[in-house]
C-alpha cells in the first residue's frame, strides 16, 4: 500500500496529478494540488504512480507502507 502527500513548497499547480488521477488529487482555490483521497484502491494505484512520476517539480511525496 502506498500513501501520497503534496509538498506545498514545491507544487506549482500545473494540474498534471489531477488530470491523471482526479479521484485522488484535486486543485484548491489557490490553484495548488492537494490529496483529497489517500484511501484509493488498487485499481487507481497505477494512475497515482503515473501522477507521482509526471509531477514536474517532484512535489508528490510517496510513502510505501
PDB file of N, CA and C in Angstrom:
ATOM      1  N   UNK A   1       0.848  -1.178   0.000  1.00  0.00           N
ATOM      2  CA  UNK A   1       0.000   0.000   0.000  1.00  0.00           C
ATOM      3  C   UNK A   1       0.892   1.240   0.000  1.00  0.00           C
ATOM      4  N   UNK A   2       0.483   2.239  -0.760  1.00  0.00           N
ATOM      5  CA  UNK A   2       1.226   3.492  -0.779  1.00  0.00           C
ATOM      6  C   UNK A   2       0.324   4.633  -0.323  1.00  0.00           C
ATOM      7  N   UNK A   3       0.963   5.661   0.186  1.00  0.00           N
ATOM      8  CA  UNK A   3       0.292   6.904   0.546  1.00  0.00           C
ATOM      9  C   UNK A   3       1.029   8.013  -0.171  1.00  0.00           C
ATOM     10  N   UNK A   4       0.338   9.078  -0.500  1.00  0.00           N
ATOM     11  CA  UNK A   4       0.960  10.211  -1.159  1.00  0.00           C
ATOM     12  C   UNK A   4       0.655  11.489  -0.396  1.00  0.00           C
ATOM     13  N   UNK A   5       1.544  12.461  -0.567  1.00  0.00           N
ATOM     14  CA  UNK A   5       1.403  13.751   0.092  1.00  0.00           C
ATOM     15  C   UNK A   5       1.961  14.799  -0.861  1.00  0.00           C
ATOM     16  N   UNK A   6       1.342  15.962  -0.883  1.00  0.00           N
ATOM     17  CA  UNK A   6       1.834  17.058  -1.712  1.00  0.00           C
ATOM     18  C   UNK A   6       2.735  17.949  -0.867  1.00  0.00           C
ATOM     19  N   UNK A   7       3.931  18.190  -1.351  1.00  0.00           N
ATOM     20  CA  UNK A   7       4.826  19.149  -0.716  1.00  0.00           C
ATOM     21  C   UNK A   7       4.426  20.521  -1.257  1.00  0.00           C
ATOM     22  N   UNK A   8       3.738  21.294  -0.448  1.00  0.00           N
ATOM     23  CA  UNK A   8       3.197  22.578  -0.892  1.00  0.00           C
ATOM     24  C   UNK A   8       4.291  23.592  -1.213  1.00  0.00           C
ATOM     25  N   UNK A   9       5.489  23.377  -0.709  1.00  0.00           N
ATOM     26  CA  UNK A   9       6.611  24.267  -1.029  1.00  0.00           C
ATOM     27  C   UNK A   9       7.061  24.084  -2.485  1.00  0.00           C
ATOM     28  N   UNK A  10       6.819  22.899  -3.042  1.00  0.00           N
ATOM     29  CA  UNK A  10       7.269  22.589  -4.400  1.00  0.00           C
ATOM     30  C   UNK A  10       6.177  22.669  -5.457  1.00  0.00           C
ATOM     31  N   UNK A  11       4.917  22.520  -5.061  1.00  0.00           N
ATOM     32  CA  UNK A  11       3.815  22.483  -6.019  1.00  0.00           C
ATOM     33  C   UNK A  11       3.678  23.815  -6.750  1.00  0.00           C
ATOM     34  N   UNK A  12       3.591  23.735  -8.089  1.00  0.00           N
ATOM     35  CA  UNK A  12       3.388  24.930  -8.912  1.00  0.00           C
ATOM     36  C   UNK A  12       1.974  24.987  -9.490  1.00  0.00           C
ATOM     37  N   UNK A  13       1.159  23.983  -9.164  1.00  0.00           N
ATOM     38  CA  UNK A  13      -0.236  23.978  -9.602  1.00  0.00           C
ATOM     39  C   UNK A  13      -0.436  23.699 -11.072  1.00  0.00           C
ATOM     40  N   UNK A  14       0.415  22.885 -11.666  1.00  0.00           N
ATOM     41  CA  UNK A  14       0.267  22.602 -13.099  1.00  0.00           C
ATOM     42  C   UNK A  14      -0.964  21.747 -13.391  1.00  0.00           C
ATOM     43  N   UNK A  15      -1.411  20.969 -12.405  1.00  0.00           N
ATOM     44  CA  UNK A  15      -2.622  20.177 -12.563  1.00  0.00           C
ATOM     45  C   UNK A  15      -2.435  18.805 -13.176  1.00  0.00           C
ATOM     46  N   UNK A  16      -1.197  18.406 -13.438  1.00  0.00           N
ATOM     47  CA  UNK A  16      -0.958  17.095 -14.052  1.00  0.00           C
ATOM     48  C   UNK A  16      -1.481  15.971 -13.176  1.00  0.00           C
ATOM     49  N   UNK A  17      -1.252  16.059 -11.876  1.00  0.00           N
ATOM     50  CA  UNK A  17      -1.704  14.992 -10.977  1.00  0.00           C
ATOM     51  C   UNK A  17      -3.225  14.848 -11.009  1.00  0.00           C
ATOM     52  N   UNK A  18      -3.915  15.961 -10.995  1.00  0.00           N
ATOM     53  CA  UNK A  18      -5.380  15.938 -11.032  1.00  0.00           C
ATOM     54  C   UNK A  18      -5.886  15.387 -12.364  1.00  0.00           C
ATOM     55  N   UNK A  19      -5.210  15.730 -13.444  1.00  0.00           N
ATOM     56  CA  UNK A  19      -5.613  15.234 -14.763  1.00  0.00           C
ATOM     57  C   UNK A  19      -5.425  13.724 -14.861  1.00  0.00           C
ATOM     58  N   UNK A  20      -4.387  13.209 -14.232  1.00  0.00           N
ATOM     59  CA  UNK A  20      -4.077  11.780 -14.310  1.00  0.00           C
ATOM     60  C   UNK A  20      -4.900  10.964 -13.321  1.00  0.00           C
ATOM     61  N   UNK A  21      -5.069  11.469 -12.103  1.00  0.00           N
ATOM     62  CA  UNK A  21      -5.769  10.722 -11.046  1.00  0.00           C
ATOM     63  C   UNK A  21      -6.730  11.640 -10.286  1.00  0.00           C
ATOM     64  N   UNK A  22      -7.829  12.050 -10.935  1.00  0.00           N
ATOM     65  CA  UNK A  22      -8.753  13.006 -10.307  1.00  0.00           C
ATOM     66  C   UNK A  22      -9.484  12.455  -9.086  1.00  0.00           C
ATOM     67  N   UNK A  23      -9.500  11.131  -8.932  1.00  0.00           N
ATOM     68  CA  UNK A  23     -10.148  10.564  -7.753  1.00  0.00           C
ATOM     69  C   UNK A  23      -9.261  10.687  -6.515  1.00  0.00           C
ATOM     70  N   UNK A  24      -7.984  11.025  -6.713  1.00  0.00           N
ATOM     71  CA  UNK A  24      -7.031  11.138  -5.602  1.00  0.00           C
ATOM     72  C   UNK A  24      -6.580  12.580  -5.391  1.00  0.00           C
ATOM     73  N   UNK A  25      -6.341  13.307  -6.470  1.00  0.00           N
ATOM     74  CA  UNK A  25      -5.811  14.670  -6.379  1.00  0.00           C
ATOM     75  C   UNK A  25      -6.854  15.691  -6.816  1.00  0.00           C
ATOM     76  N   UNK A  26      -6.776  16.876  -6.211  1.00  0.00           N
ATOM     77  CA  UNK A  26      -7.655  17.983  -6.587  1.00  0.00           C
ATOM     78  C   UNK A  26      -6.826  19.266  -6.551  1.00  0.00           C
ATOM     79  N   UNK A  27      -7.421  20.334  -7.052  1.00  0.00           N
ATOM     80  CA  UNK A  27      -6.775  21.644  -7.057  1.00  0.00           C
ATOM     81  C   UNK A  27      -7.579  22.558  -6.133  1.00  0.00           C
ATOM     82  N   UNK A  28      -6.881  23.226  -5.211  1.00  0.00           N
ATOM     83  CA  UNK A  28      -7.576  24.100  -4.252  1.00  0.00           C
ATOM     84  C   UNK A  28      -7.866  25.473  -4.861  1.00  0.00           C
ATOM     85  N   UNK A  29      -8.486  26.339  -4.083  1.00  0.00           N
ATOM     86  CA  UNK A  29      -8.878  27.660  -4.565  1.00  0.00           C
ATOM     87  C   UNK A  29      -7.690  28.534  -4.960  1.00  0.00           C
ATOM     88  N   UNK A  30      -6.538  28.242  -4.387  1.00  0.00           N
ATOM     89  CA  UNK A  30      -5.328  28.998  -4.719  1.00  0.00           C
ATOM     90  C   UNK A  30      -4.627  28.452  -5.964  1.00  0.00           C
ATOM     91  N   UNK A  31      -5.141  27.333  -6.503  1.00  0.00           N
ATOM     92  CA  UNK A  31      -4.587  26.770  -7.718  1.00  0.00           C
ATOM     93  C   UNK A  31      -3.519  25.717  -7.516  1.00  0.00           C
ATOM     94  N   UNK A  32      -3.384  25.225  -6.286  1.00  0.00           N
ATOM     95  CA  UNK A  32      -2.369  24.213  -5.991  1.00  0.00           C
ATOM     96  C   UNK A  32      -3.024  22.869  -5.688  1.00  0.00           C
ATOM     97  N   UNK A  33      -2.257  21.822  -5.914  1.00  0.00           N
ATOM     98  CA  UNK A  33      -2.776  20.468  -5.724  1.00  0.00           C
ATOM     99  C   UNK A  33      -2.825  20.090  -4.251  1.00  0.00           C
ATOM    100  N   UNK A  34      -3.754  19.193  -3.953  1.00  0.00           N
ATOM    101  CA  UNK A  34      -3.814  18.560  -2.633  1.00  0.00           C
ATOM    102  C   UNK A  34      -4.365  17.153  -2.808  1.00  0.00           C
ATOM    103  N   UNK A  35      -4.098  16.319  -1.815  1.00  0.00           N
ATOM    104  CA  UNK A  35      -4.591  14.943  -1.838  1.00  0.00           C
ATOM    105  C   UNK A  35      -5.975  14.948  -1.217  1.00  0.00           C
ATOM    106  N   UNK A  36      -6.966  14.594  -2.007  1.00  0.00           N
ATOM    107  CA  UNK A  36      -8.333  14.572  -1.483  1.00  0.00           C
ATOM    108  C   UNK A  36      -8.758  13.187  -1.016  1.00  0.00           C
ATOM    109  N   UNK A  37      -8.023  12.163  -1.453  1.00  0.00           N
ATOM    110  CA  UNK A  37      -8.400  10.797  -1.091  1.00  0.00           C
ATOM    111  C   UNK A  37      -7.159   9.918  -1.079  1.00  0.00           C
ATOM    112  N   UNK A  38      -6.652   9.645   0.102  1.00  0.00           N
ATOM    113  CA  UNK A  38      -5.472   8.804   0.220  1.00  0.00           C
ATOM    114  C   UNK A  38      -5.847   7.347   0.475  1.00  0.00           C
ATOM    115  N   UNK A  39      -7.125   7.046   0.395  1.00  0.00           N
ATOM    116  CA  UNK A  39      -7.608   5.680   0.576  1.00  0.00           C
ATOM    117  C   UNK A  39      -8.034   5.094  -0.769  1.00  0.00           C
ATOM    118  N   UNK A  40      -7.200   5.289  -1.768  1.00  0.00           N
ATOM    119  CA  UNK A  40      -7.516   4.782  -3.093  1.00  0.00           C
ATOM    120  C   UNK A  40      -7.279   3.281  -3.141  1.00  0.00           C
ATOM    121  N   UNK A  41      -7.969   2.623  -4.050  1.00  0.00           N
ATOM    122  CA  UNK A  41      -7.833   1.173  -4.134  1.00  0.00           C
ATOM    123  C   UNK A  41      -6.791   0.787  -5.183  1.00  0.00           C
ATOM    124  N   UNK A  42      -6.555  -0.480  -5.289  1.00  0.00           N
ATOM    125  CA  UNK A  42      -5.518  -0.995  -6.180  1.00  0.00           C
ATOM    126  C   UNK A  42      -5.742  -0.617  -7.640  1.00  0.00           C
ATOM    127  N   UNK A  43      -6.995  -0.470  -8.052  1.00  0.00           N
ATOM    128  CA  UNK A  43      -7.250  -0.130  -9.455  1.00  0.00           C
ATOM    129  C   UNK A  43      -6.777   1.275  -9.794  1.00  0.00           C
ATOM    130  N   UNK A  44      -6.652   2.155  -8.785  1.00  0.00           N
ATOM    131  CA  UNK A  44      -6.177   3.522  -9.012  1.00  0.00           C
ATOM    132  C   UNK A  44      -4.675   3.658  -8.791  1.00  0.00           C
ATOM    133  N   UNK A  45      -4.042   2.612  -8.287  1.00  0.00           N
ATOM    134  CA  UNK A  45      -2.625   2.691  -7.933  1.00  0.00           C
ATOM    135  C   UNK A  45      -1.748   3.088  -9.118  1.00  0.00           C
ATOM    136  N   UNK A  46      -1.983   2.514 -10.274  1.00  0.00           N
ATOM    137  CA  UNK A  46      -1.167   2.843 -11.446  1.00  0.00           C
ATOM    138  C   UNK A  46      -1.308   4.310 -11.830  1.00  0.00           C
ATOM    139  N   UNK A  47      -2.524   4.845 -11.759  1.00  0.00           N
ATOM    140  CA  UNK A  47      -2.730   6.266 -12.055  1.00  0.00           C
ATOM    141  C   UNK A  47      -1.994   7.140 -11.048  1.00  0.00           C
ATOM    142  N   UNK A  48      -2.043   6.771  -9.786  1.00  0.00           N
ATOM    143  CA  UNK A  48      -1.354   7.544  -8.751  1.00  0.00           C
ATOM    144  C   UNK A  48       0.159   7.519  -8.993  1.00  0.00           C
ATOM    145  N   UNK A  49       0.692   6.359  -9.313  1.00  0.00           N
ATOM    146  CA  UNK A  49       2.122   6.266  -9.591  1.00  0.00           C
ATOM    147  C   UNK A  49       2.498   7.065 -10.833  1.00  0.00           C
ATOM    148  N   UNK A  50       1.632   7.077 -11.846  1.00  0.00           N
ATOM    149  CA  UNK A  50       1.870   7.909 -13.029  1.00  0.00           C
ATOM    150  C   UNK A  50       1.877   9.392 -12.659  1.00  0.00           C
ATOM    151  N   UNK A  51       0.970   9.788 -11.770  1.00  0.00           N
ATOM    152  CA  UNK A  51       0.915  11.182 -11.325  1.00  0.00           C
ATOM    153  C   UNK A  51       2.190  11.566 -10.581  1.00  0.00           C
ATOM    154  N   UNK A  52       2.679  10.668  -9.727  1.00  0.00           N
ATOM    155  CA  UNK A  52       3.928  10.924  -9.000  1.00  0.00           C
ATOM    156  C   UNK A  52       5.066  11.158  -9.993  1.00  0.00           C
ATOM    157  N   UNK A  53       5.165  10.300 -10.990  1.00  0.00           N
ATOM    158  CA  UNK A  53       6.238  10.402 -11.984  1.00  0.00           C
ATOM    159  C   UNK A  53       6.071  11.620 -12.891  1.00  0.00           C
ATOM    160  N   UNK A  54       4.843  12.074 -13.098  1.00  0.00           N
ATOM    161  CA  UNK A  54       4.567  13.178 -14.018  1.00  0.00           C
ATOM    162  C   UNK A  54       4.734  14.555 -13.406  1.00  0.00           C
ATOM    163  N   UNK A  55       4.827  14.628 -12.099  1.00  0.00           N
ATOM    164  CA  UNK A  55       4.935  15.934 -11.435  1.00  0.00           C
ATOM    165  C   UNK A  55       6.249  16.610 -11.838  1.00  0.00           C
ATOM    166  N   UNK A  56       6.179  17.782 -12.471  1.00  0.00           N
ATOM    167  CA  UNK A  56       7.403  18.426 -12.962  1.00  0.00           C
ATOM    168  C   UNK A  56       8.333  18.934 -11.860  1.00  0.00           C
ATOM    169  N   UNK A  57       7.820  19.114 -10.659  1.00  0.00           N
ATOM    170  CA  UNK A  57       8.655  19.619  -9.561  1.00  0.00           C
ATOM    171  C   UNK A  57       8.889  18.574  -8.474  1.00  0.00           C
ATOM    172  N   UNK A  58       8.451  17.354  -8.722  1.00  0.00           N
ATOM    173  CA  UNK A  58       8.564  16.266  -7.728  1.00  0.00           C
ATOM    174  C   UNK A  58       7.917  16.639  -6.395  1.00  0.00           C
ATOM    175  N   UNK A  59       6.774  17.316  -6.476  1.00  0.00           N
ATOM    176  CA  UNK A  59       6.077  17.766  -5.275  1.00  0.00           C
ATOM    177  C   UNK A  59       5.240  16.668  -4.618  1.00  0.00           C
ATOM    178  N   UNK A  60       5.032  15.565  -5.316  1.00  0.00           N
ATOM    179  CA  UNK A  60       4.234  14.482  -4.741  1.00  0.00           C
ATOM    180  C   UNK A  60       5.174  13.503  -4.059  1.00  0.00           C
ATOM    181  N   UNK A  61       5.033  13.422  -2.759  1.00  0.00           N
ATOM    182  CA  UNK A  61       5.846  12.512  -1.970  1.00  0.00           C
ATOM    183  C   UNK A  61       5.110  11.184  -1.809  1.00  0.00           C
ATOM    184  N   UNK A  62       5.825  10.123  -2.051  1.00  0.00           N
ATOM    185  CA  UNK A  62       5.262   8.772  -1.983  1.00  0.00           C
ATOM    186  C   UNK A  62       5.844   8.040  -0.781  1.00  0.00           C
ATOM    187  N   UNK A  63       4.958   7.395  -0.034  1.00  0.00           N
ATOM    188  CA  UNK A  63       5.394   6.613   1.114  1.00  0.00           C
ATOM    189  C   UNK A  63       4.822   5.220   0.978  1.00  0.00           C
ATOM    190  N   UNK A  64       5.700   4.232   0.887  1.00  0.00           N
ATOM    191  CA  UNK A  64       5.266   2.843   0.815  1.00  0.00           C
ATOM    192  C   UNK A  64       5.091   2.294   2.218  1.00  0.00           C
ATOM    193  N   UNK A  65       3.971   1.587   2.426  1.00  0.00           N
ATOM    194  CA  UNK A  65       3.717   1.001   3.735  1.00  0.00           C
ATOM    195  C   UNK A  65       3.730  -0.493   3.620  1.00  0.00           C
TER     196      UNK A  65
END
